[in-house]
Amino acid sequence: MNRLGEGQFVAYSAGSTPAGQVNPHALSLLQRLGYPTDGLRSKSWSEFARPGAPPLDFVITVCDDAAGEACPIWPGRPISAHWGMPDPAAAKGSEPVIAAAFAETYRALFNRINAFAALPHERLDRIALQRRMQQIGGEGGA
């Protein structure tokens, strides 16, 4: 989001149950694709619910409902959507199989983020933005 929406958005990433370190497969993929990885860290979504946290205009959850992972309820009134997908960190198998799971997740998120960044945000009201975000993620008749 920071790359595709540069100048429009500042993106943050967090999880409901952080592992304590950024997954090495994720770091490897991001580095191969030319993303900066210095300073990335594993963090809980609860950091963004504390006083002094940056205000959030949009929240996109990707937790996999099929795995029974709980998605957070956000304070304030950010526009939100769920773009559920399997967690690539749960992939089992050889290094190429695991790398492929991370690459597929990246591809899916890249396409969805690209569609989101291209929306005419300034011309859409809150309800229309919510609907479009849900459609991008496959909810509500995409």
Foldseek 3Di string as FASTA:
>chain_A
DCVLQPPNDDDDDAAQDWPFADDPLLVVVCVVVPHDDPPDGYHHPVQCQDPPHDDAQEEEAADAVVVVGDDDDHPDDHQYEYLYDDDLVPDDDDPVRSNVSSVVVVVLVVQLVNQLSPDPVVPDDSVRNSQSNHVSSPPDPD
